[in-house]
Amino acid sequence: MTLMQCPICKRSVDESTVGQPGSAFPFCSERCKLIDLGRWLGGKYQIPVVEIDESETIHPIDPEPPSGNKSNRR
């Protein structure tokens, strides 16, 4: 028997309940499962986004001029 903690209330949860009917794994209960769902839907869990200013972006320099460049011809 392997025990882990419920991510919401930190109670012990038996991993052997995975796949059993009525299992709320990895949560200890349906209540904790719904609390977690409410947090996701309410925007409590977010991945931080850093916006990049396009004017500060460094563009790579093309080492060769594009083919068909007629600037070298006289």
Protein backbone atom coordinates (compact mmCIF):
# COMPACT_ATOMS: atom_id res chain seq x y z
CA MET A 1 0.00 0.00 0.00
CA THR A 2 1.44 3.33 -1.10
CA LEU A 3 0.15 6.50 0.52
CA MET A 4 0.28 10.04 -0.80
CA GLN A 5 -1.29 13.32 0.30
CA CYS A 6 -4.46 14.84 -1.06
CA PRO A 7 -3.40 18.01 -2.92
CA ILE A 8 -6.21 20.01 -1.27
CA CYS A 9 -6.47 18.96 2.39
CA LYS A 10 -3.24 16.91 2.78
CA ARG A 11 -5.02 13.80 4.14
CA SER A 12 -3.46 10.43 3.32
CA VAL A 13 -4.75 8.82 0.12
CA ASP A 14 -4.14 5.18 -0.81
CA GLU A 15 -2.83 4.90 -4.39
CA SER A 16 -4.36 1.43 -4.71
CA THR A 17 -7.78 3.12 -5.16
CA VAL A 18 -6.82 4.24 -8.68
CA GLY A 19 -9.35 2.96 -11.22
CA GLN A 20 -11.87 1.76 -8.65
CA PRO A 21 -15.46 2.93 -9.11
CA GLY A 22 -16.14 6.02 -7.02
CA SER A 23 -12.46 6.80 -6.58
CA ALA A 24 -11.60 10.49 -6.44
CA PHE A 25 -7.85 9.79 -6.76
CA PRO A 26 -5.54 11.72 -6.35
CA PHE A 27 -7.97 13.46 -3.99
CA CYS A 28 -9.23 11.97 -0.73
CA SER A 29 -12.88 12.74 -1.49
CA GLU A 30 -15.31 14.05 -4.07
CA ARG A 31 -15.41 17.30 -2.07
CA CYS A 32 -11.66 17.93 -2.52
CA LYS A 33 -11.98 16.98 -6.20
CA LEU A 34 -14.69 19.64 -6.68
CA ILE A 35 -12.70 22.26 -4.75
CA ASP A 36 -9.80 21.69 -7.15
CA LEU A 37 -12.10 21.91 -10.19
CA GLY A 38 -13.52 25.19 -8.86
CA ARG A 39 -10.01 26.59 -8.50
CA TRP A 40 -9.18 25.70 -12.10
CA LEU A 41 -12.41 27.19 -13.41
CA GLY A 42 -12.00 30.30 -11.25
CA GLY A 43 -8.53 30.99 -12.63
CA LYS A 44 -6.65 30.33 -9.38
CA TYR A 45 -4.18 28.10 -11.22
CA GLN A 46 -2.42 30.08 -13.92
CA ILE A 47 0.79 29.82 -15.87
CA PRO A 48 2.54 33.20 -15.84
CA VAL A 49 2.98 34.75 -19.27
CA VAL A 50 5.70 37.23 -20.12
CA GLU A 51 4.88 39.32 -23.16
CA ILE A 52 7.79 40.19 -25.43
CA ASP A 53 7.98 43.65 -26.96
CA GLU A 54 8.50 43.11 -30.69
CA SER A 55 10.67 46.24 -30.95
CA GLU A 56 13.19 44.68 -28.56
CA THR A 57 13.38 41.37 -30.42
CA ILE A 58 16.75 40.58 -31.97
CA HIS A 59 16.41 39.32 -35.52
CA PRO A 60 19.09 37.02 -36.94
CA ILE A 61 21.28 38.47 -39.69
CA ASP A 62 21.18 36.55 -42.97
CA PRO A 63 24.85 35.78 -43.81
CA GLU A 64 24.15 35.49 -47.56
CA PRO A 65 22.16 37.94 -49.67
CA PRO A 66 19.07 36.45 -51.26
CA SER A 67 19.62 34.84 -54.67
CA GLY A 68 18.79 37.04 -57.63
CA ASN A 69 20.21 40.14 -55.93
CA LYS A 70 21.03 42.50 -58.83
CA SER A 71 22.78 45.17 -56.74
CA ASN A 72 26.25 43.78 -57.66
CA ARG A 73 25.63 43.95 -61.44
CA ARG A 74 26.51 47.00 -63.56
